[in-house]
Amino acid sequence: MIDGVYRVTESGEHEVRFDRRVDQPVAKVWAALTDPAVLKNWLGNVKIEPRVGGEFILDFRGQELMTGMITAFEPRHVLAFTWVEKNNLPPSRVRWELSRDGDGCRLVLTHTYPANMARKEIVPFLAGWHAFLDVIGRGAAGEFVPYQDENGLRRAYSAKYLETADG
């Protein structure tokens, strides 16, 4: 089941959003977002300076490199950073919000893209984030998770968001 939502905001920016429950406490999910030793389990190798204005550099296990600057840092609640890739896409913004949900955690991920990006450039991010979010709980628990095949998710998100509108 695909659960990522794509929309165009009133300002014309594009937004990808996930709202998930993770079966791990907030502290463990926060570590999965900010502790390089835990991040490498599910996302990649990360250099993080845990403060507003600090660097956030993500190496997707040698496949891709993303650089950014932290724009919000509220321990165990909010992490936000700019997202810059070396693939000619314009900079975007990522925001993670965490809250307690029983013995687990509510995680909301919002990735915002500039208005001048085409929908067809954004929809693949839905599949990528979806695949990573499917395993964040396992990574937070200390398990190393190989990257998942995103092809089925790419087809599903493309069918939902590209076949119904021009990109």
N, C-alpha and C. Protein backbone atom coordinates (compact mmCIF):
# COMPACT_ATOMS: atom_id res chain seq x y z
N MET A 1 0.84 -1.19 0.00
CA MET A 1 0.00 0.00 0.00
C MET A 1 0.88 1.25 0.00
N ILE A 2 0.62 2.15 -0.91
CA ILE A 2 1.37 3.40 -0.92
C ILE A 2 0.65 4.39 -0.01
N ASP A 3 1.44 5.11 0.79
CA ASP A 3 0.84 6.04 1.74
C ASP A 3 1.44 7.44 1.66
N GLY A 4 2.38 7.63 0.77
CA GLY A 4 2.94 8.97 0.60
C GLY A 4 1.95 9.83 -0.15
N VAL A 5 1.93 11.11 0.20
CA VAL A 5 1.00 12.05 -0.42
C VAL A 5 1.80 13.13 -1.12
N TYR A 6 1.40 13.42 -2.34
CA TYR A 6 2.01 14.50 -3.12
C TYR A 6 0.95 15.57 -3.30
N ARG A 7 1.37 16.82 -3.13
CA ARG A 7 0.44 17.92 -3.40
C ARG A 7 1.22 19.16 -3.79
N VAL A 8 0.53 20.10 -4.39
CA VAL A 8 1.10 21.41 -4.67
C VAL A 8 0.48 22.37 -3.66
N THR A 9 1.32 23.10 -2.95
CA THR A 9 0.85 24.01 -1.92
C THR A 9 0.28 25.28 -2.53
N GLU A 10 -0.35 26.10 -1.71
CA GLU A 10 -0.90 27.37 -2.19
C GLU A 10 0.17 28.27 -2.77
N SER A 11 1.40 28.15 -2.26
CA SER A 11 2.50 28.98 -2.76
C SER A 11 3.08 28.44 -4.06
N GLY A 12 2.61 27.26 -4.49
CA GLY A 12 3.10 26.66 -5.72
C GLY A 12 4.22 25.66 -5.51
N GLU A 13 4.72 25.56 -4.27
CA GLU A 13 5.74 24.56 -3.99
C GLU A 13 5.12 23.16 -4.04
N HIS A 14 5.96 22.18 -4.27
CA HIS A 14 5.54 20.77 -4.29
C HIS A 14 5.88 20.17 -2.93
N GLU A 15 5.02 19.29 -2.46
CA GLU A 15 5.25 18.69 -1.15
C GLU A 15 4.98 17.20 -1.19
N VAL A 16 5.91 16.44 -0.63
CA VAL A 16 5.78 15.01 -0.43
C VAL A 16 5.67 14.82 1.08
N ARG A 17 4.68 14.04 1.50
CA ARG A 17 4.46 13.90 2.95
C ARG A 17 4.10 12.46 3.30
N PHE A 18 4.70 12.00 4.39
CA PHE A 18 4.40 10.69 4.96
C PHE A 18 4.05 10.89 6.43
N ASP A 19 3.06 10.17 6.90
CA ASP A 19 2.68 10.17 8.31
C ASP A 19 2.63 8.70 8.72
N ARG A 20 3.58 8.28 9.52
CA ARG A 20 3.71 6.86 9.86
C ARG A 20 3.82 6.66 11.36
N ARG A 21 3.37 5.51 11.80
CA ARG A 21 3.63 5.07 13.16
C ARG A 21 4.80 4.09 13.10
N VAL A 22 5.78 4.30 13.96
CA VAL A 22 6.95 3.44 14.02
C VAL A 22 6.90 2.72 15.37
N ASP A 23 7.08 1.41 15.35
CA ASP A 23 7.02 0.61 16.58
C ASP A 23 8.33 0.66 17.34
N GLN A 24 8.80 1.86 17.59
CA GLN A 24 9.99 2.12 18.41
C GLN A 24 9.71 3.40 19.19
N PRO A 25 10.27 3.53 20.39
CA PRO A 25 10.06 4.77 21.14
C PRO A 25 10.70 5.97 20.45
N VAL A 26 10.21 7.16 20.78
CA VAL A 26 10.70 8.39 20.17
C VAL A 26 12.22 8.49 20.28
N ALA A 27 12.80 8.15 21.41
CA ALA A 27 14.26 8.26 21.59
C ALA A 27 15.02 7.43 20.56
N LYS A 28 14.54 6.24 20.27
CA LYS A 28 15.23 5.38 19.28
C LYS A 28 15.05 5.92 17.87
N VAL A 29 13.87 6.44 17.55
CA VAL A 29 13.66 7.00 16.21
C VAL A 29 14.47 8.28 16.05
N TRP A 30 14.55 9.08 17.12
CA TRP A 30 15.38 10.28 17.07
C TRP A 30 16.84 9.89 16.78
N ALA A 31 17.32 8.85 17.44
CA ALA A 31 18.68 8.38 17.19
C ALA A 31 18.83 7.92 15.74
N ALA A 32 17.78 7.33 15.18
CA ALA A 32 17.82 6.87 13.78
C ALA A 32 17.88 8.05 12.81
N LEU A 33 17.59 9.25 13.28
CA LEU A 33 17.66 10.45 12.44
C LEU A 33 18.90 11.29 12.70
N THR A 34 19.53 11.11 13.87
CA THR A 34 20.62 12.03 14.26
C THR A 34 21.92 11.36 14.68
N ASP A 35 21.93 10.07 14.90
CA ASP A 35 23.13 9.37 15.35
C ASP A 35 23.73 8.63 14.15
N PRO A 36 24.91 9.05 13.68
CA PRO A 36 25.51 8.41 12.51
C PRO A 36 25.61 6.89 12.62
N ALA A 37 25.86 6.37 13.82
CA ALA A 37 25.99 4.92 13.99
C ALA A 37 24.66 4.20 13.73
N VAL A 38 23.55 4.87 14.01
CA VAL A 38 22.24 4.28 13.77
C VAL A 38 21.75 4.59 12.35
N LEU A 39 22.03 5.79 11.87
CA LEU A 39 21.64 6.18 10.51
C LEU A 39 22.19 5.23 9.45
N LYS A 40 23.41 4.75 9.68
CA LYS A 40 24.02 3.87 8.67
C LYS A 40 23.28 2.53 8.56
N ASN A 41 22.48 2.18 9.57
CA ASN A 41 21.72 0.93 9.51
C ASN A 41 20.64 0.95 8.44
N TRP A 42 20.06 2.12 8.17
CA TRP A 42 18.89 2.14 7.29
C TRP A 42 18.95 3.19 6.18
N LEU A 43 19.78 4.23 6.36
CA LEU A 43 19.78 5.31 5.38
C LEU A 43 21.11 5.46 4.66
N GLY A 44 22.18 5.52 5.39
CA GLY A 44 23.48 5.69 4.78
C GLY A 44 24.45 6.31 5.76
N ASN A 45 25.62 6.66 5.28
CA ASN A 45 26.64 7.28 6.12
C ASN A 45 26.35 8.77 6.21
N VAL A 46 26.27 9.27 7.43
CA VAL A 46 25.88 10.66 7.64
C VAL A 46 26.90 11.37 8.52
N LYS A 47 27.21 12.59 8.11
CA LYS A 47 27.95 13.51 8.97
C LYS A 47 26.93 14.54 9.42
N ILE A 48 26.77 14.68 10.72
CA ILE A 48 25.78 15.62 11.24
C ILE A 48 26.39 16.46 12.34
N GLU A 49 26.16 17.76 12.27
CA GLU A 49 26.49 18.67 13.34
C GLU A 49 25.15 19.03 13.98
N PRO A 50 24.80 18.41 15.10
CA PRO A 50 23.44 18.48 15.66
C PRO A 50 23.09 19.83 16.29
N ARG A 51 22.89 20.81 15.41
CA ARG A 51 22.51 22.16 15.85
C ARG A 51 22.01 22.93 14.63
N VAL A 52 21.20 23.94 14.87
CA VAL A 52 20.78 24.81 13.77
C VAL A 52 22.03 25.44 13.16
N GLY A 53 22.13 25.37 11.85
CA GLY A 53 23.30 25.88 11.13
C GLY A 53 24.36 24.82 10.89
N GLY A 54 24.20 23.65 11.51
CA GLY A 54 25.16 22.57 11.34
C GLY A 54 24.99 21.86 10.01
N GLU A 55 26.04 21.14 9.63
CA GLU A 55 26.00 20.37 8.38
C GLU A 55 25.21 19.07 8.55
N PHE A 56 24.57 18.67 7.46
CA PHE A 56 23.95 17.35 7.37
C PHE A 56 24.36 16.81 6.00
N ILE A 57 25.27 15.87 5.99
CA ILE A 57 25.78 15.31 4.73
C ILE A 57 25.46 13.83 4.73
N LEU A 58 24.76 13.40 3.70
CA LEU A 58 24.29 12.03 3.60
C LEU A 58 24.89 11.36 2.38
N ASP A 59 25.62 10.29 2.63
CA ASP A 59 26.18 9.47 1.56
C ASP A 59 25.36 8.18 1.52
N PHE A 60 24.56 8.03 0.47
CA PHE A 60 23.72 6.85 0.31
C PHE A 60 24.57 5.64 -0.07
N ARG A 61 25.42 5.23 0.87
CA ARG A 61 26.27 4.05 0.70
C ARG A 61 27.02 4.07 -0.63
N GLY A 62 27.56 5.23 -0.95
CA GLY A 62 28.37 5.37 -2.15
C GLY A 62 27.59 5.55 -3.43
N GLN A 63 26.26 5.55 -3.38
CA GLN A 63 25.45 5.67 -4.60
C GLN A 63 25.14 7.12 -4.95
N GLU A 64 25.00 7.96 -3.95
CA GLU A 64 24.58 9.33 -4.17
C GLU A 64 25.01 10.15 -2.96
N LEU A 65 25.19 11.45 -3.14
CA LEU A 65 25.58 12.31 -2.04
C LEU A 65 24.61 13.48 -1.95
N MET A 66 24.14 13.75 -0.74
CA MET A 66 23.27 14.87 -0.47
C MET A 66 23.94 15.71 0.60
N THR A 67 23.95 17.02 0.39
CA THR A 67 24.48 17.92 1.40
C THR A 67 23.37 18.85 1.85
N GLY A 68 23.49 19.32 3.07
CA GLY A 68 22.49 20.24 3.57
C GLY A 68 22.95 20.94 4.82
N MET A 69 22.09 21.88 5.25
CA MET A 69 22.33 22.61 6.48
C MET A 69 21.09 22.45 7.36
N ILE A 70 21.32 22.19 8.64
CA ILE A 70 20.21 22.01 9.57
C ILE A 70 19.54 23.36 9.82
N THR A 71 18.21 23.38 9.64
CA THR A 71 17.43 24.61 9.81
C THR A 71 16.55 24.57 11.06
N ALA A 72 16.31 23.38 11.60
CA ALA A 72 15.56 23.23 12.86
C ALA A 72 16.10 22.00 13.58
N PHE A 73 16.33 22.15 14.87
CA PHE A 73 16.85 21.04 15.66
C PHE A 73 16.26 21.14 17.07
N GLU A 74 15.21 20.37 17.31
CA GLU A 74 14.56 20.30 18.61
C GLU A 74 14.61 18.84 19.04
N PRO A 75 15.59 18.48 19.90
CA PRO A 75 15.81 17.08 20.23
C PRO A 75 14.53 16.31 20.56
N ARG A 76 14.46 15.14 19.91
CA ARG A 76 13.34 14.20 20.04
C ARG A 76 12.01 14.74 19.54
N HIS A 77 12.07 15.84 18.75
CA HIS A 77 10.82 16.39 18.23
C HIS A 77 10.93 16.80 16.76
N VAL A 78 11.89 17.67 16.40
CA VAL A 78 11.96 18.20 15.04
C VAL A 78 13.41 18.22 14.55
N LEU A 79 13.59 17.74 13.33
CA LEU A 79 14.85 17.88 12.61
C LEU A 79 14.49 18.34 11.20
N ALA A 80 15.07 19.45 10.78
CA ALA A 80 14.84 19.94 9.42
C ALA A 80 16.17 20.37 8.83
N PHE A 81 16.30 20.17 7.51
CA PHE A 81 17.53 20.55 6.84
C PHE A 81 17.27 20.80 5.37
N THR A 82 18.19 21.56 4.76
CA THR A 82 18.13 21.75 3.31
C THR A 82 18.65 20.49 2.64
N TRP A 83 18.25 20.28 1.40
CA TRP A 83 18.61 19.08 0.65
C TRP A 83 19.15 19.53 -0.70
N VAL A 84 20.44 19.26 -0.93
CA VAL A 84 21.08 19.63 -2.19
C VAL A 84 21.79 18.41 -2.74
N GLU A 85 21.44 18.04 -3.97
CA GLU A 85 22.10 16.93 -4.64
C GLU A 85 22.91 17.48 -5.80
N LYS A 86 23.83 16.68 -6.29
CA LYS A 86 24.67 17.11 -7.40
C LYS A 86 24.11 16.59 -8.73
N ASN A 87 22.79 16.61 -8.88
CA ASN A 87 22.16 16.08 -10.09
C ASN A 87 21.33 17.13 -10.81
N ASN A 88 21.64 18.38 -10.60
CA ASN A 88 20.98 19.51 -11.24
C ASN A 88 19.56 19.78 -10.76
N LEU A 89 19.10 19.09 -9.72
CA LEU A 89 17.81 19.45 -9.14
C LEU A 89 18.02 20.63 -8.21
N PRO A 90 17.06 21.55 -8.14
CA PRO A 90 17.22 22.68 -7.24
C PRO A 90 17.15 22.24 -5.77
N PRO A 91 17.70 23.03 -4.86
CA PRO A 91 17.64 22.69 -3.44
C PRO A 91 16.20 22.55 -2.96
N SER A 92 16.02 21.68 -1.99
CA SER A 92 14.70 21.47 -1.40
C SER A 92 14.87 21.42 0.12
N ARG A 93 13.76 21.13 0.82
CA ARG A 93 13.80 21.12 2.29
C ARG A 93 13.16 19.85 2.82
N VAL A 94 13.76 19.27 3.86
CA VAL A 94 13.26 18.07 4.51
C VAL A 94 12.96 18.40 5.97
N ARG A 95 11.82 17.91 6.44
CA ARG A 95 11.45 18.13 7.85
C ARG A 95 10.90 16.83 8.44
N TRP A 96 11.47 16.42 9.55
CA TRP A 96 11.02 15.26 10.31
C TRP A 96 10.39 15.75 11.60
N GLU A 97 9.22 15.25 11.94
CA GLU A 97 8.57 15.59 13.19
C GLU A 97 8.23 14.29 13.91
N LEU A 98 8.56 14.22 15.19
CA LEU A 98 8.31 13.03 15.99
C LEU A 98 7.42 13.37 17.17
N SER A 99 6.55 12.44 17.53
CA SER A 99 5.76 12.57 18.75
C SER A 99 5.46 11.18 19.27
N ARG A 100 5.19 11.11 20.54
CA ARG A 100 4.89 9.82 21.17
C ARG A 100 3.53 9.32 20.69
N ASP A 101 3.47 8.02 20.46
CA ASP A 101 2.22 7.37 20.06
C ASP A 101 2.15 6.04 20.80
N GLY A 102 1.58 6.06 22.00
CA GLY A 102 1.56 4.85 22.83
C GLY A 102 2.97 4.46 23.17
N ASP A 103 3.32 3.19 22.92
CA ASP A 103 4.69 2.75 23.18
C ASP A 103 5.57 2.92 21.95
N GLY A 104 5.04 3.56 20.92
CA GLY A 104 5.79 3.81 19.69
C GLY A 104 5.95 5.29 19.42
N CYS A 105 6.08 5.62 18.14
CA CYS A 105 6.38 6.98 17.72
C CYS A 105 5.57 7.33 16.48
N ARG A 106 5.03 8.51 16.43
CA ARG A 106 4.42 9.06 15.21
C ARG A 106 5.50 9.85 14.51
N LEU A 107 5.76 9.54 13.25
CA LEU A 107 6.79 10.19 12.45
C LEU A 107 6.10 10.85 11.27
N VAL A 108 6.33 12.13 11.09
CA VAL A 108 5.83 12.84 9.92
C VAL A 108 7.04 13.37 9.17
N LEU A 109 7.16 12.99 7.92
CA LEU A 109 8.23 13.44 7.03
C LEU A 109 7.61 14.31 5.95
N THR A 110 8.13 15.51 5.80
CA THR A 110 7.68 16.41 4.75
C THR A 110 8.90 16.85 3.96
N HIS A 111 8.87 16.63 2.65
CA HIS A 111 9.95 17.06 1.76
C HIS A 111 9.32 18.07 0.81
N THR A 112 9.82 19.31 0.84
CA THR A 112 9.24 20.41 0.06
C THR A 112 10.21 20.83 -1.04
N TYR A 113 9.66 20.96 -2.25
CA TYR A 113 10.44 21.26 -3.45
C TYR A 113 9.98 22.58 -4.04
N PRO A 114 10.87 23.30 -4.72
CA PRO A 114 10.48 24.59 -5.30
C PRO A 114 9.44 24.44 -6.40
N ALA A 115 8.71 25.52 -6.62
CA ALA A 115 7.63 25.53 -7.59
C ALA A 115 8.11 25.24 -9.01
N ASN A 116 9.36 25.55 -9.32
CA ASN A 116 9.83 25.37 -10.70
C ASN A 116 10.23 23.92 -11.02
N MET A 117 10.08 23.02 -10.09
CA MET A 117 10.37 21.61 -10.38
C MET A 117 9.16 20.96 -11.05
N ALA A 118 9.43 19.99 -11.89
CA ALA A 118 8.36 19.25 -12.56
C ALA A 118 7.92 18.08 -11.68
N ARG A 119 6.66 17.77 -11.73
CA ARG A 119 6.10 16.65 -10.97
C ARG A 119 6.89 15.36 -11.23
N LYS A 120 7.29 15.13 -12.47
CA LYS A 120 8.01 13.89 -12.81
C LYS A 120 9.37 13.81 -12.13
N GLU A 121 9.94 14.97 -11.70
CA GLU A 121 11.20 14.97 -10.96
C GLU A 121 10.98 14.65 -9.48
N ILE A 122 9.79 14.87 -8.99
CA ILE A 122 9.49 14.74 -7.57
C ILE A 122 8.92 13.37 -7.22
N VAL A 123 8.08 12.82 -8.08
CA VAL A 123 7.41 11.56 -7.77
C VAL A 123 8.38 10.43 -7.41
N PRO A 124 9.56 10.30 -8.02
CA PRO A 124 10.48 9.25 -7.59
C PRO A 124 10.89 9.35 -6.12
N PHE A 125 10.89 10.57 -5.56
CA PHE A 125 11.20 10.71 -4.15
C PHE A 125 10.18 10.00 -3.27
N LEU A 126 8.93 9.94 -3.71
CA LEU A 126 7.90 9.22 -2.95
C LEU A 126 8.31 7.77 -2.75
N ALA A 127 8.75 7.13 -3.82
CA ALA A 127 9.16 5.73 -3.72
C ALA A 127 10.39 5.57 -2.83
N GLY A 128 11.35 6.47 -2.98
CA GLY A 128 12.56 6.39 -2.17
C GLY A 128 12.27 6.56 -0.68
N TRP A 129 11.55 7.61 -0.34
CA TRP A 129 11.22 7.81 1.07
C TRP A 129 10.37 6.68 1.61
N HIS A 130 9.42 6.21 0.82
CA HIS A 130 8.56 5.11 1.25
C HIS A 130 9.41 3.89 1.62
N ALA A 131 10.35 3.53 0.76
CA ALA A 131 11.20 2.36 1.01
C ALA A 131 12.03 2.55 2.28
N PHE A 132 12.58 3.74 2.47
CA PHE A 132 13.37 3.99 3.68
C PHE A 132 12.50 3.96 4.93
N LEU A 133 11.33 4.55 4.85
CA LEU A 133 10.45 4.56 6.03
C LEU A 133 9.95 3.17 6.38
N ASP A 134 9.87 2.30 5.39
CA ASP A 134 9.46 0.91 5.67
C ASP A 134 10.45 0.21 6.61
N VAL A 135 11.68 0.69 6.66
CA VAL A 135 12.71 0.00 7.45
C VAL A 135 13.30 0.83 8.59
N ILE A 136 12.84 2.05 8.78
CA ILE A 136 13.43 2.89 9.82
C ILE A 136 13.31 2.25 11.21
N GLY A 137 12.21 1.57 11.48
CA GLY A 137 12.05 0.92 12.79
C GLY A 137 13.09 -0.15 13.02
N ARG A 138 13.37 -0.93 11.99
CA ARG A 138 14.40 -1.96 12.11
C ARG A 138 15.78 -1.34 12.30
N GLY A 139 16.04 -0.26 11.55
CA GLY A 139 17.31 0.44 11.71
C GLY A 139 17.44 1.05 13.10
N ALA A 140 16.34 1.62 13.60
CA ALA A 140 16.35 2.22 14.94
C ALA A 140 16.61 1.16 16.01
N ALA A 141 16.20 -0.08 15.74
CA ALA A 141 16.40 -1.18 16.68
C ALA A 141 17.81 -1.76 16.60
N GLY A 142 18.64 -1.23 15.67
CA GLY A 142 20.02 -1.67 15.58
C GLY A 142 20.30 -2.65 14.46
N GLU A 143 19.32 -2.95 13.64
CA GLU A 143 19.50 -3.90 12.53
C GLU A 143 20.01 -3.16 11.29
N PHE A 144 20.99 -3.72 10.61
CA PHE A 144 21.43 -3.19 9.32
C PHE A 144 20.46 -3.69 8.26
N VAL A 145 19.91 -2.76 7.47
CA VAL A 145 18.92 -3.12 6.46
C VAL A 145 19.45 -2.76 5.08
N PRO A 146 19.60 -3.74 4.19
CA PRO A 146 20.02 -3.43 2.82
C PRO A 146 18.96 -2.56 2.13
N TYR A 147 19.38 -1.80 1.14
CA TYR A 147 18.43 -0.98 0.40
C TYR A 147 17.40 -1.88 -0.27
N GLN A 148 16.16 -1.41 -0.26
CA GLN A 148 15.05 -2.16 -0.82
C GLN A 148 14.89 -1.83 -2.31
N ASP A 149 14.34 -2.76 -3.06
CA ASP A 149 14.02 -2.52 -4.47
C ASP A 149 12.81 -1.59 -4.52
N GLU A 150 12.98 -0.44 -5.14
CA GLU A 150 11.93 0.57 -5.20
C GLU A 150 11.09 0.50 -6.47
N ASN A 151 11.37 -0.42 -7.38
CA ASN A 151 10.70 -0.40 -8.68
C ASN A 151 9.19 -0.51 -8.58
N GLY A 152 8.70 -1.40 -7.74
CA GLY A 152 7.25 -1.54 -7.58
C GLY A 152 6.62 -0.27 -7.01
N LEU A 153 7.31 0.33 -6.05
CA LEU A 153 6.82 1.59 -5.48
C LEU A 153 6.85 2.71 -6.51
N ARG A 154 7.89 2.76 -7.32
CA ARG A 154 7.96 3.80 -8.37
C ARG A 154 6.79 3.67 -9.35
N ARG A 155 6.49 2.44 -9.72
CA ARG A 155 5.35 2.22 -10.63
C ARG A 155 4.04 2.66 -9.99
N ALA A 156 3.86 2.30 -8.73
CA ALA A 156 2.61 2.64 -8.03
C ALA A 156 2.45 4.16 -7.88
N TYR A 157 3.51 4.84 -7.45
CA TYR A 157 3.42 6.29 -7.29
C TYR A 157 3.29 6.98 -8.65
N SER A 158 3.96 6.49 -9.66
CA SER A 158 3.84 7.07 -11.00
C SER A 158 2.40 6.92 -11.51
N ALA A 159 1.82 5.75 -11.29
CA ALA A 159 0.43 5.52 -11.73
C ALA A 159 -0.51 6.50 -11.02
N LYS A 160 -0.26 6.74 -9.76
CA LYS A 160 -1.16 7.62 -8.99
C LYS A 160 -0.96 9.09 -9.32
N TYR A 161 0.30 9.52 -9.47
CA TYR A 161 0.55 10.95 -9.58
C TYR A 161 1.02 11.45 -10.95
N LEU A 162 1.46 10.56 -11.82
CA LEU A 162 1.93 11.01 -13.13
C LEU A 162 0.94 10.71 -14.24
N GLU A 163 0.27 9.60 -14.15
CA GLU A 163 -0.66 9.23 -15.22
C GLU A 163 -1.93 10.04 -15.18
N THR A 164 -2.13 10.79 -14.08
CA THR A 164 -3.35 11.59 -13.96
C THR A 164 -3.09 13.07 -14.21
N ALA A 165 -1.82 13.45 -14.43
CA ALA A 165 -1.49 14.86 -14.66
C ALA A 165 -0.22 14.95 -15.47
N ASP A 166 -0.04 16.06 -16.11
CA ASP A 166 1.20 16.29 -16.84
C ASP A 166 2.31 16.60 -15.86
N GLY A 167 3.54 16.10 -16.14
CA GLY A 167 4.66 16.27 -15.23
C GLY A 167 5.38 17.53 -15.39
